[in-house]
Amino acid sequence: MGAVYRKELKIYMSGMFGYFIIALLLLFMGLFVTLFNLVSGYSDIVYALAGMQWVLIVLIPFLAMRSIAEERHSKTDQLLYSLPLPMRDIVFGKFFAMLTVFAIPTAISTLYPVILTSFGSFSLATAYVSLLGYFLLGISMIALCTFLSSLVESQILAAVISIAALLLIYFMDMITMLIPASALVSFVILAVLELGLALLLWAGTKNANLGIAAAVVLILPTAILYILKADLFVSLIPNFLHAVDLFARFGGFTYGHIDLPGALFYLSFTAFFLFVTVRVMEKRRLA
């Protein structure tokens, strides 16, 4: 994993791309801190971090778009598959390289709370816990975008799909309010999502049998459970969407104490998407 990490980090930092991402993150963080804390006089950095969420929605997909999609486009993924390394090490090496690029401006941003204390009353505990939530949100987004990058060959397509997915998650609360609590509606939506997951698996591995098997394994038990216990599906989709809302979880870090359930959610979310990325890559290696 170390060799892959060093190679990926060198790619990001040997050219302008990595520095460009870092510079933009620092630029917008500085602008938001100036606007909300210095000009408007807010004594909480959370307003700046809320604005940074929009920046992450755009920049994280561009940071992650080349992680795997570019390997497939340039056919260098075959070299990755031939390496005497577990696919887990390759995926994690790429992930930690992107994490390092994101961690650099985040670490520099920890200086802002100290600087702002010289302008008046400012809660350092709230500021640093909020920054921790911001960092965990960022690594979760990197993991999701890495997975989406593994499904396509085009960097641009990977970035567009990732931005669309993050925007969908950002507006999850509004979407949740539009979904009826009906058990039938939840069942239909769940079945469609399971079918979509099977199609993504097929698209990522080019293995039709695997896609069909995944669809059957996912949808059949859901249908049986709906027939036997339809009450379990009442409000299932709205409740599920609210539970996986990445951006809503950030709110738990803005009160000056570490939100342990929120931190566990972010880490679990990250681990899940890294795991499925590894599985997609392993299936493609065996294909």
C-alpha atoms as a PDB file:
ATOM      1  CA  MET A   1       0.000   0.000   0.000  1.00  0.00           C
ATOM      2  CA  GLY A   2       2.852   2.363   0.786  1.00  0.00           C
ATOM      3  CA  ALA A   3       4.234   2.194  -2.748  1.00  0.00           C
ATOM      4  CA  VAL A   4       0.819   2.936  -4.272  1.00  0.00           C
ATOM      5  CA  TYR A   5       0.280   5.783  -1.806  1.00  0.00           C
ATOM      6  CA  ARG A   6       3.632   7.402  -2.637  1.00  0.00           C
ATOM      7  CA  LYS A   7       3.041   6.993  -6.384  1.00  0.00           C
ATOM      8  CA  GLU A   8      -0.441   8.539  -6.229  1.00  0.00           C
ATOM      9  CA  LEU A   9       0.645  11.378  -3.969  1.00  0.00           C
ATOM     10  CA  LYS A  10       3.572  12.123  -6.281  1.00  0.00           C
ATOM     11  CA  ILE A  11       1.144  12.324  -9.224  1.00  0.00           C
ATOM     12  CA  TYR A  12      -1.020  14.821  -7.360  1.00  0.00           C
ATOM     13  CA  MET A  13       1.873  16.922  -6.087  1.00  0.00           C
ATOM     14  CA  SER A  14       4.375  16.730  -8.950  1.00  0.00           C
ATOM     15  CA  GLY A  15       2.075  18.748 -11.197  1.00  0.00           C
ATOM     16  CA  MET A  16      -0.306  21.618 -10.531  1.00  0.00           C
ATOM     17  CA  PHE A  17      -3.465  19.602  -9.891  1.00  0.00           C
ATOM     18  CA  GLY A  18      -2.902  18.778  -6.213  1.00  0.00           C
ATOM     19  CA  TYR A  19      -1.698  22.296  -5.433  1.00  0.00           C
ATOM     20  CA  PHE A  20      -4.672  23.708  -7.352  1.00  0.00           C
ATOM     21  CA  ILE A  21      -7.151  21.739  -5.199  1.00  0.00           C
ATOM     22  CA  ILE A  22      -5.344  22.762  -2.006  1.00  0.00           C
ATOM     23  CA  ALA A  23      -5.209  26.408  -3.089  1.00  0.00           C
ATOM     24  CA  LEU A  24      -8.933  26.500  -3.931  1.00  0.00           C
ATOM     25  CA  LEU A  25      -9.905  24.925  -0.603  1.00  0.00           C
ATOM     26  CA  LEU A  26      -7.779  27.455   1.274  1.00  0.00           C
ATOM     27  CA  LEU A  27      -9.045  30.338  -0.866  1.00  0.00           C
ATOM     28  CA  PHE A  28     -12.718  29.593  -0.240  1.00  0.00           C
ATOM     29  CA  MET A  29     -12.139  28.858   3.434  1.00  0.00           C
ATOM     30  CA  GLY A  30     -10.415  32.237   3.780  1.00  0.00           C
ATOM     31  CA  LEU A  31     -13.221  33.981   1.902  1.00  0.00           C
ATOM     32  CA  PHE A  32     -15.947  32.400   4.035  1.00  0.00           C
ATOM     33  CA  VAL A  33     -14.116  33.118   7.301  1.00  0.00           C
ATOM     34  CA  THR A  34     -13.643  36.731   6.225  1.00  0.00           C
ATOM     35  CA  LEU A  35     -17.268  37.095   5.126  1.00  0.00           C
ATOM     36  CA  PHE A  36     -18.977  35.410   8.072  1.00  0.00           C
ATOM     37  CA  ASN A  37     -16.578  35.951  10.971  1.00  0.00           C
ATOM     38  CA  LEU A  38     -14.804  39.223  10.250  1.00  0.00           C
ATOM     39  CA  VAL A  39     -17.308  41.165   8.167  1.00  0.00           C
ATOM     40  CA  SER A  40     -20.593  39.813   9.574  1.00  0.00           C
ATOM     41  CA  GLY A  41     -19.202  39.335  13.086  1.00  0.00           C
ATOM     42  CA  TYR A  42     -20.321  35.748  13.723  1.00  0.00           C
ATOM     43  CA  SER A  43     -18.379  34.127  16.554  1.00  0.00           C
ATOM     44  CA  ASP A  44     -18.683  30.598  15.169  1.00  0.00           C
ATOM     45  CA  ILE A  45     -16.699  29.036  12.334  1.00  0.00           C
ATOM     46  CA  VAL A  46     -19.573  26.679  11.517  1.00  0.00           C
ATOM     47  CA  TYR A  47     -21.026  29.272   9.116  1.00  0.00           C
ATOM     48  CA  ALA A  48     -17.821  29.188   7.080  1.00  0.00           C
ATOM     49  CA  LEU A  49     -17.797  25.378   7.154  1.00  0.00           C
ATOM     50  CA  ALA A  50     -21.421  25.293   5.979  1.00  0.00           C
ATOM     51  CA  GLY A  51     -20.358  27.328   2.964  1.00  0.00           C
ATOM     52  CA  MET A  52     -17.408  24.989   2.414  1.00  0.00           C
ATOM     53  CA  GLN A  53     -19.811  22.082   1.970  1.00  0.00           C
ATOM     54  CA  TRP A  54     -20.744  23.509  -1.423  1.00  0.00           C
ATOM     55  CA  VAL A  55     -17.077  23.793  -2.327  1.00  0.00           C
ATOM     56  CA  LEU A  56     -16.501  20.146  -1.368  1.00  0.00           C
ATOM     57  CA  ILE A  57     -19.456  19.055  -3.520  1.00  0.00           C
ATOM     58  CA  VAL A  58     -17.562  20.400  -6.545  1.00  0.00           C
ATOM     59  CA  LEU A  59     -13.894  19.871  -5.654  1.00  0.00           C
ATOM     60  CA  ILE A  60     -13.980  16.390  -4.081  1.00  0.00           C
ATOM     61  CA  PRO A  61     -15.388  14.794  -7.290  1.00  0.00           C
ATOM     62  CA  PHE A  62     -12.616  16.466  -9.296  1.00  0.00           C
ATOM     63  CA  LEU A  63     -10.040  15.245  -6.789  1.00  0.00           C
ATOM     64  CA  ALA A  64     -11.330  11.665  -6.994  1.00  0.00           C
ATOM     65  CA  MET A  65     -12.320  11.489 -10.670  1.00  0.00           C
ATOM     66  CA  ARG A  66      -8.938  10.226 -11.892  1.00  0.00           C
ATOM     67  CA  SER A  67      -8.360   7.766  -9.056  1.00  0.00           C
ATOM     68  CA  ILE A  68      -9.635   4.723 -10.968  1.00  0.00           C
ATOM     69  CA  ALA A  69     -11.523   6.015 -14.020  1.00  0.00           C
ATOM     70  CA  GLU A  70      -8.326   7.374 -15.571  1.00  0.00           C
ATOM     71  CA  GLU A  71      -6.575   4.041 -14.991  1.00  0.00           C
ATOM     72  CA  ARG A  72      -9.321   2.301 -16.973  1.00  0.00           C
ATOM     73  CA  HIS A  73      -9.337   4.959 -19.711  1.00  0.00           C
ATOM     74  CA  SER A  74      -5.579   4.764 -20.249  1.00  0.00           C
ATOM     75  CA  LYS A  75      -5.603   0.945 -19.835  1.00  0.00           C
ATOM     76  CA  THR A  76      -3.055   1.157 -17.020  1.00  0.00           C
ATOM     77  CA  ASP A  77      -5.565  -0.651 -14.810  1.00  0.00           C
ATOM     78  CA  GLN A  78      -4.274  -3.887 -16.320  1.00  0.00           C
ATOM     79  CA  LEU A  79      -0.907  -3.079 -14.759  1.00  0.00           C
ATOM     80  CA  LEU A  80      -2.626  -2.612 -11.393  1.00  0.00           C
ATOM     81  CA  TYR A  81      -4.312  -6.002 -11.701  1.00  0.00           C
ATOM     82  CA  SER A  82      -0.965  -7.633 -12.467  1.00  0.00           C
ATOM     83  CA  LEU A  83       0.731  -6.226  -9.376  1.00  0.00           C
ATOM     84  CA  PRO A  84       1.470  -8.778  -6.618  1.00  0.00           C
ATOM     85  CA  LEU A  85      -0.637  -6.735  -4.217  1.00  0.00           C
ATOM     86  CA  PRO A  86      -4.093  -7.282  -2.743  1.00  0.00           C
ATOM     87  CA  MET A  87      -6.605  -5.006  -4.425  1.00  0.00           C
ATOM     88  CA  ARG A  88      -7.330  -3.653  -0.953  1.00  0.00           C
ATOM     89  CA  ASP A  89      -3.828  -2.165  -0.771  1.00  0.00           C
ATOM     90  CA  ILE A  90      -4.216  -0.503  -4.172  1.00  0.00           C
ATOM     91  CA  VAL A  91      -7.579   1.081  -3.337  1.00  0.00           C
ATOM     92  CA  PHE A  92      -6.446   2.182   0.120  1.00  0.00           C
ATOM     93  CA  GLY A  93      -3.214   3.610  -1.286  1.00  0.00           C
ATOM     94  CA  LYS A  94      -5.183   5.759  -3.723  1.00  0.00           C
ATOM     95  CA  PHE A  95      -7.672   6.754  -1.014  1.00  0.00           C
ATOM     96  CA  PHE A  96      -5.001   7.858   1.473  1.00  0.00           C
ATOM     97  CA  ALA A  97      -3.236   9.886  -1.224  1.00  0.00           C
ATOM     98  CA  MET A  98      -6.459  11.825  -1.846  1.00  0.00           C
ATOM     99  CA  LEU A  99      -7.018  12.064   1.890  1.00  0.00           C
ATOM    100  CA  THR A 100      -3.575  13.660   2.281  1.00  0.00           C
ATOM    101  CA  VAL A 101      -4.366  16.294  -0.353  1.00  0.00           C
ATOM    102  CA  PHE A 102      -7.596  17.112   1.493  1.00  0.00           C
ATOM    103  CA  ALA A 103      -5.960  16.992   4.942  1.00  0.00           C
ATOM    104  CA  ILE A 104      -3.337  19.639   4.095  1.00  0.00           C
ATOM    105  CA  PRO A 105      -5.756  22.596   3.681  1.00  0.00           C
ATOM    106  CA  THR A 106      -7.883  21.265   6.555  1.00  0.00           C
ATOM    107  CA  ALA A 107      -4.838  21.277   8.846  1.00  0.00           C
ATOM    108  CA  ILE A 108      -3.942  24.811   7.764  1.00  0.00           C
ATOM    109  CA  SER A 109      -7.541  25.872   8.436  1.00  0.00           C
ATOM    110  CA  THR A 110      -7.099  24.935  12.107  1.00  0.00           C
ATOM    111  CA  LEU A 111      -5.137  28.202  12.451  1.00  0.00           C
ATOM    112  CA  TYR A 112      -8.249  30.294  11.819  1.00  0.00           C
ATOM    113  CA  PRO A 113      -9.878  29.749  15.256  1.00  0.00           C
ATOM    114  CA  VAL A 114      -6.675  30.856  16.996  1.00  0.00           C
ATOM    115  CA  ILE A 115      -6.449  33.947  14.784  1.00  0.00           C
ATOM    116  CA  LEU A 116     -10.118  34.806  15.344  1.00  0.00           C
ATOM    117  CA  THR A 117      -9.705  34.796  19.133  1.00  0.00           C
ATOM    118  CA  SER A 118      -7.731  38.029  18.773  1.00  0.00           C
ATOM    119  CA  PHE A 119     -10.831  39.746  17.368  1.00  0.00           C
ATOM    120  CA  GLY A 120     -13.151  38.882  20.258  1.00  0.00           C
ATOM    121  CA  SER A 121     -14.861  36.030  22.098  1.00  0.00           C
ATOM    122  CA  PHE A 122     -14.537  32.779  20.180  1.00  0.00           C
ATOM    123  CA  SER A 123     -15.153  29.155  21.299  1.00  0.00           C
ATOM    124  CA  LEU A 124     -12.126  27.078  20.352  1.00  0.00           C
ATOM    125  CA  ALA A 125     -13.812  23.839  21.435  1.00  0.00           C
ATOM    126  CA  THR A 126     -16.787  24.416  19.121  1.00  0.00           C
ATOM    127  CA  ALA A 127     -14.500  25.468  16.275  1.00  0.00           C
ATOM    128  CA  TYR A 128     -12.201  22.448  16.442  1.00  0.00           C
ATOM    129  CA  VAL A 129     -15.005  19.922  16.902  1.00  0.00           C
ATOM    130  CA  SER A 130     -16.748  21.490  13.886  1.00  0.00           C
ATOM    131  CA  LEU A 131     -13.517  21.163  11.899  1.00  0.00           C
ATOM    132  CA  LEU A 132     -13.351  17.497  12.907  1.00  0.00           C
ATOM    133  CA  GLY A 133     -16.884  16.983  11.566  1.00  0.00           C
ATOM    134  CA  TYR A 134     -15.909  18.827   8.373  1.00  0.00           C
ATOM    135  CA  PHE A 135     -12.890  16.546   7.937  1.00  0.00           C
ATOM    136  CA  LEU A 136     -14.947  13.377   8.507  1.00  0.00           C
ATOM    137  CA  LEU A 137     -17.531  14.648   6.013  1.00  0.00           C
ATOM    138  CA  GLY A 138     -14.749  15.186   3.479  1.00  0.00           C
ATOM    139  CA  ILE A 139     -13.262  11.698   3.798  1.00  0.00           C
ATOM    140  CA  SER A 140     -16.743  10.171   3.455  1.00  0.00           C
ATOM    141  CA  MET A 141     -17.243  12.113   0.239  1.00  0.00           C
ATOM    142  CA  ILE A 142     -13.833  10.966  -1.046  1.00  0.00           C
ATOM    143  CA  ALA A 143     -14.755   7.313  -0.397  1.00  0.00           C
ATOM    144  CA  LEU A 144     -18.082   7.678  -2.220  1.00  0.00           C
ATOM    145  CA  CYS A 145     -16.495   9.448  -5.201  1.00  0.00           C
ATOM    146  CA  THR A 146     -13.734   6.825  -5.379  1.00  0.00           C
ATOM    147  CA  PHE A 147     -16.385   4.120  -5.661  1.00  0.00           C
ATOM    148  CA  LEU A 148     -18.212   6.021  -8.411  1.00  0.00           C
ATOM    149  CA  SER A 149     -14.906   6.539 -10.232  1.00  0.00           C
ATOM    150  CA  SER A 150     -14.395   2.759 -10.242  1.00  0.00           C
ATOM    151  CA  LEU A 151     -17.614   2.254 -12.236  1.00  0.00           C
ATOM    152  CA  VAL A 152     -16.771   4.339 -15.325  1.00  0.00           C
ATOM    153  CA  GLU A 153     -13.857   4.941 -17.684  1.00  0.00           C
ATOM    154  CA  SER A 154     -14.247   8.687 -18.237  1.00  0.00           C
ATOM    155  CA  GLN A 155     -12.866  11.142 -15.690  1.00  0.00           C
ATOM    156  CA  ILE A 156     -15.448  13.760 -16.659  1.00  0.00           C
ATOM    157  CA  LEU A 157     -18.299  11.267 -16.365  1.00  0.00           C
ATOM    158  CA  ALA A 158     -16.983  10.194 -12.962  1.00  0.00           C
ATOM    159  CA  ALA A 159     -16.914  13.821 -11.806  1.00  0.00           C
ATOM    160  CA  VAL A 160     -20.414  14.559 -13.136  1.00  0.00           C
ATOM    161  CA  ILE A 161     -21.918  11.444 -11.536  1.00  0.00           C
ATOM    162  CA  SER A 162     -20.175  12.213  -8.257  1.00  0.00           C
ATOM    163  CA  ILE A 163     -21.399  15.823  -8.173  1.00  0.00           C
ATOM    164  CA  ALA A 164     -24.934  14.635  -8.967  1.00  0.00           C
ATOM    165  CA  ALA A 165     -24.778  12.040  -6.173  1.00  0.00           C
ATOM    166  CA  LEU A 166     -23.502  14.571  -3.628  1.00  0.00           C
ATOM    167  CA  LEU A 167     -26.153  17.105  -4.622  1.00  0.00           C
ATOM    168  CA  LEU A 168     -28.786  14.418  -4.229  1.00  0.00           C
ATOM    169  CA  ILE A 169     -27.507  13.685  -0.725  1.00  0.00           C
ATOM    170  CA  TYR A 170     -27.325  17.402   0.101  1.00  0.00           C
ATOM    171  CA  PHE A 171     -31.013  17.888  -0.744  1.00  0.00           C
ATOM    172  CA  MET A 172     -31.981  14.629   0.971  1.00  0.00           C
ATOM    173  CA  ASP A 173     -34.169  16.357   3.576  1.00  0.00           C
ATOM    174  CA  MET A 174     -36.262  18.027   0.880  1.00  0.00           C
ATOM    175  CA  ILE A 175     -36.526  14.787  -1.089  1.00  0.00           C
ATOM    176  CA  THR A 176     -37.546  12.879   2.037  1.00  0.00           C
ATOM    177  CA  MET A 177     -40.499  15.207   2.599  1.00  0.00           C
ATOM    178  CA  LEU A 178     -41.795  14.445  -0.915  1.00  0.00           C
ATOM    179  CA  ILE A 179     -41.862  10.661  -0.415  1.00  0.00           C
ATOM    180  CA  PRO A 180     -45.120   9.205   0.973  1.00  0.00           C
ATOM    181  CA  ALA A 181     -44.926   6.986   4.043  1.00  0.00           C
ATOM    182  CA  SER A 182     -46.852   4.222   2.225  1.00  0.00           C
ATOM    183  CA  ALA A 183     -45.418   0.701   2.552  1.00  0.00           C
ATOM    184  CA  LEU A 184     -45.988   0.055  -1.166  1.00  0.00           C
ATOM    185  CA  VAL A 185     -44.108   3.195  -2.179  1.00  0.00           C
ATOM    186  CA  SER A 186     -41.174   2.241   0.040  1.00  0.00           C
ATOM    187  CA  PHE A 187     -41.131  -1.278  -1.408  1.00  0.00           C
ATOM    188  CA  VAL A 188     -41.175  -0.045  -5.014  1.00  0.00           C
ATOM    189  CA  ILE A 189     -38.428   2.508  -4.386  1.00  0.00           C
ATOM    190  CA  LEU A 190     -36.314  -0.066  -2.554  1.00  0.00           C
ATOM    191  CA  ALA A 191     -36.729  -2.568  -5.386  1.00  0.00           C
ATOM    192  CA  VAL A 192     -35.735   0.072  -7.962  1.00  0.00           C
ATOM    193  CA  LEU A 193     -32.665   1.016  -5.887  1.00  0.00           C
ATOM    194  CA  GLU A 194     -31.669  -2.637  -5.602  1.00  0.00           C
ATOM    195  CA  LEU A 195     -32.072  -3.056  -9.349  1.00  0.00           C
ATOM    196  CA  GLY A 196     -29.957   0.054  -9.894  1.00  0.00           C
ATOM    197  CA  LEU A 197     -27.261  -1.338  -7.598  1.00  0.00           C
ATOM    198  CA  ALA A 198     -27.245  -4.576  -9.594  1.00  0.00           C
ATOM    199  CA  LEU A 199     -26.927  -2.582 -12.833  1.00  0.00           C
ATOM    200  CA  LEU A 200     -24.025  -0.580 -11.375  1.00  0.00           C
ATOM    201  CA  LEU A 201     -22.335  -3.834 -10.388  1.00  0.00           C
ATOM    202  CA  TRP A 202     -22.833  -5.180 -13.890  1.00  0.00           C
ATOM    203  CA  ALA A 203     -21.523  -1.951 -15.442  1.00  0.00           C
ATOM    204  CA  GLY A 204     -18.494  -1.969 -13.170  1.00  0.00           C
ATOM    205  CA  THR A 205     -17.546  -5.627 -13.669  1.00  0.00           C
ATOM    206  CA  LYS A 206     -18.965  -6.269 -17.182  1.00  0.00           C
ATOM    207  CA  ASN A 207     -20.264  -9.544 -15.755  1.00  0.00           C
ATOM    208  CA  ALA A 208     -23.936 -10.015 -16.690  1.00  0.00           C
ATOM    209  CA  ASN A 209     -24.326 -13.152 -14.581  1.00  0.00           C
ATOM    210  CA  LEU A 210     -23.064 -11.317 -11.528  1.00  0.00           C
ATOM    211  CA  GLY A 211     -25.490  -8.459 -12.154  1.00  0.00           C
ATOM    212  CA  ILE A 212     -28.447 -10.823 -12.549  1.00  0.00           C
ATOM    213  CA  ALA A 213     -27.456 -12.786  -9.445  1.00  0.00           C
ATOM    214  CA  ALA A 214     -27.154  -9.567  -7.446  1.00  0.00           C
ATOM    215  CA  ALA A 215     -30.608  -8.426  -8.610  1.00  0.00           C
ATOM    216  CA  VAL A 216     -32.183 -11.735  -7.607  1.00  0.00           C
ATOM    217  CA  VAL A 217     -30.380 -11.892  -4.261  1.00  0.00           C
ATOM    218  CA  LEU A 218     -31.399  -8.318  -3.412  1.00  0.00           C
ATOM    219  CA  ILE A 219     -34.942  -8.064  -4.771  1.00  0.00           C
ATOM    220  CA  LEU A 220     -36.350 -11.541  -4.047  1.00  0.00           C
ATOM    221  CA  PRO A 221     -35.932 -11.426  -0.235  1.00  0.00           C
ATOM    222  CA  THR A 222     -37.309  -7.866  -0.229  1.00  0.00           C
ATOM    223  CA  ALA A 223     -40.430  -9.010  -2.114  1.00  0.00           C
ATOM    224  CA  ILE A 224     -40.943 -11.973   0.216  1.00  0.00           C
ATOM    225  CA  LEU A 225     -40.541  -9.779   3.285  1.00  0.00           C
ATOM    226  CA  TYR A 226     -43.032  -7.257   1.888  1.00  0.00           C
ATOM    227  CA  ILE A 227     -45.607  -9.999   1.307  1.00  0.00           C
ATOM    228  CA  LEU A 228     -45.155 -11.430   4.802  1.00  0.00           C
ATOM    229  CA  LYS A 229     -44.669  -8.209   6.795  1.00  0.00           C
ATOM    230  CA  ALA A 230     -45.696  -5.120   4.853  1.00  0.00           C
ATOM    231  CA  ASP A 231     -45.829  -3.010   8.025  1.00  0.00           C
ATOM    232  CA  LEU A 232     -42.027  -3.009   8.140  1.00  0.00           C
ATOM    233  CA  PHE A 233     -41.980  -0.928   4.950  1.00  0.00           C
ATOM    234  CA  VAL A 234     -44.077   1.945   6.312  1.00  0.00           C
ATOM    235  CA  SER A 235     -41.874   5.108   6.190  1.00  0.00           C
ATOM    236  CA  LEU A 236     -38.874   2.847   5.496  1.00  0.00           C
ATOM    237  CA  ILE A 237     -37.431   4.907   2.639  1.00  0.00           C
ATOM    238  CA  PRO A 238     -37.901   8.345   4.291  1.00  0.00           C
ATOM    239  CA  ASN A 239     -36.317   7.043   7.496  1.00  0.00           C
ATOM    240  CA  PHE A 240     -33.457   5.431   5.578  1.00  0.00           C
ATOM    241  CA  LEU A 241     -32.739   8.559   3.532  1.00  0.00           C
ATOM    242  CA  HIS A 242     -32.656  10.663   6.679  1.00  0.00           C
ATOM    243  CA  ALA A 243     -30.274   8.160   8.314  1.00  0.00           C
ATOM    244  CA  VAL A 244     -27.744   8.266   5.440  1.00  0.00           C
ATOM    245  CA  ASP A 245     -27.777  12.057   5.011  1.00  0.00           C
ATOM    246  CA  LEU A 246     -24.065  12.938   5.152  1.00  0.00           C
ATOM    247  CA  PHE A 247     -24.619  16.661   5.507  1.00  0.00           C
ATOM    248  CA  ALA A 248     -27.246  16.412   8.243  1.00  0.00           C
ATOM    249  CA  ARG A 249     -24.773  14.445  10.380  1.00  0.00           C
ATOM    250  CA  PHE A 250     -22.400  17.398  10.316  1.00  0.00           C
ATOM    251  CA  GLY A 251     -24.828  19.353  12.501  1.00  0.00           C
ATOM    252  CA  GLY A 252     -24.011  17.118  15.469  1.00  0.00           C
ATOM    253  CA  PHE A 253     -20.448  18.454  15.512  1.00  0.00           C
ATOM    254  CA  THR A 254     -21.435  22.117  15.798  1.00  0.00           C
ATOM    255  CA  TYR A 255     -22.284  22.157  19.518  1.00  0.00           C
ATOM    256  CA  GLY A 256     -18.778  21.931  20.952  1.00  0.00           C
ATOM    257  CA  HIS A 257     -18.746  18.211  21.755  1.00  0.00           C
ATOM    258  CA  ILE A 258     -17.775  15.235  19.632  1.00  0.00           C
ATOM    259  CA  ASP A 259     -20.805  13.490  18.162  1.00  0.00           C
ATOM    260  CA  LEU A 260     -19.763   9.833  18.587  1.00  0.00           C
ATOM    261  CA  PRO A 261     -22.710   8.378  16.614  1.00  0.00           C
ATOM    262  CA  GLY A 262     -21.986  10.875  13.852  1.00  0.00           C
ATOM    263  CA  ALA A 263     -18.274  10.021  13.829  1.00  0.00           C
ATOM    264  CA  LEU A 264     -19.095   6.304  13.739  1.00  0.00           C
ATOM    265  CA  PHE A 265     -21.499   6.911  10.863  1.00  0.00           C
ATOM    266  CA  TYR A 266     -18.883   8.787   8.817  1.00  0.00           C
ATOM    267  CA  LEU A 267     -16.246   6.116   9.438  1.00  0.00           C
ATOM    268  CA  SER A 268     -18.697   3.309   8.622  1.00  0.00           C
ATOM    269  CA  PHE A 269     -19.827   5.132   5.465  1.00  0.00           C
ATOM    270  CA  THR A 270     -16.199   5.503   4.390  1.00  0.00           C
ATOM    271  CA  ALA A 271     -15.364   1.859   5.167  1.00  0.00           C
ATOM    272  CA  PHE A 272     -18.436   0.616   3.270  1.00  0.00           C
ATOM    273  CA  PHE A 273     -17.656   2.452   0.041  1.00  0.00           C
ATOM    274  CA  LEU A 274     -13.986   1.509   0.182  1.00  0.00           C
ATOM    275  CA  PHE A 275     -15.063  -2.111   0.673  1.00  0.00           C
ATOM    276  CA  VAL A 276     -17.415  -2.116  -2.330  1.00  0.00           C
ATOM    277  CA  THR A 277     -14.731  -0.370  -4.418  1.00  0.00           C
ATOM    278  CA  VAL A 278     -12.315  -3.167  -3.543  1.00  0.00           C
ATOM    279  CA  ARG A 279     -14.943  -5.766  -4.472  1.00  0.00           C
ATOM    280  CA  VAL A 280     -15.600  -4.104  -7.848  1.00  0.00           C
ATOM    281  CA  MET A 281     -11.877  -4.002  -8.589  1.00  0.00           C
ATOM    282  CA  GLU A 282     -11.418  -7.641  -7.521  1.00  0.00           C
ATOM    283  CA  LYS A 283     -14.263  -8.786  -9.767  1.00  0.00           C
ATOM    284  CA  ARG A 284     -12.749  -6.868 -12.681  1.00  0.00           C
ATOM    285  CA  ARG A 285      -9.334  -8.420 -11.994  1.00  0.00           C
ATOM    286  CA  LEU A 286     -10.862 -11.902 -12.211  1.00  0.00           C
ATOM    287  CA  ALA A 287     -12.928 -11.112 -15.312  1.00  0.00           C
END
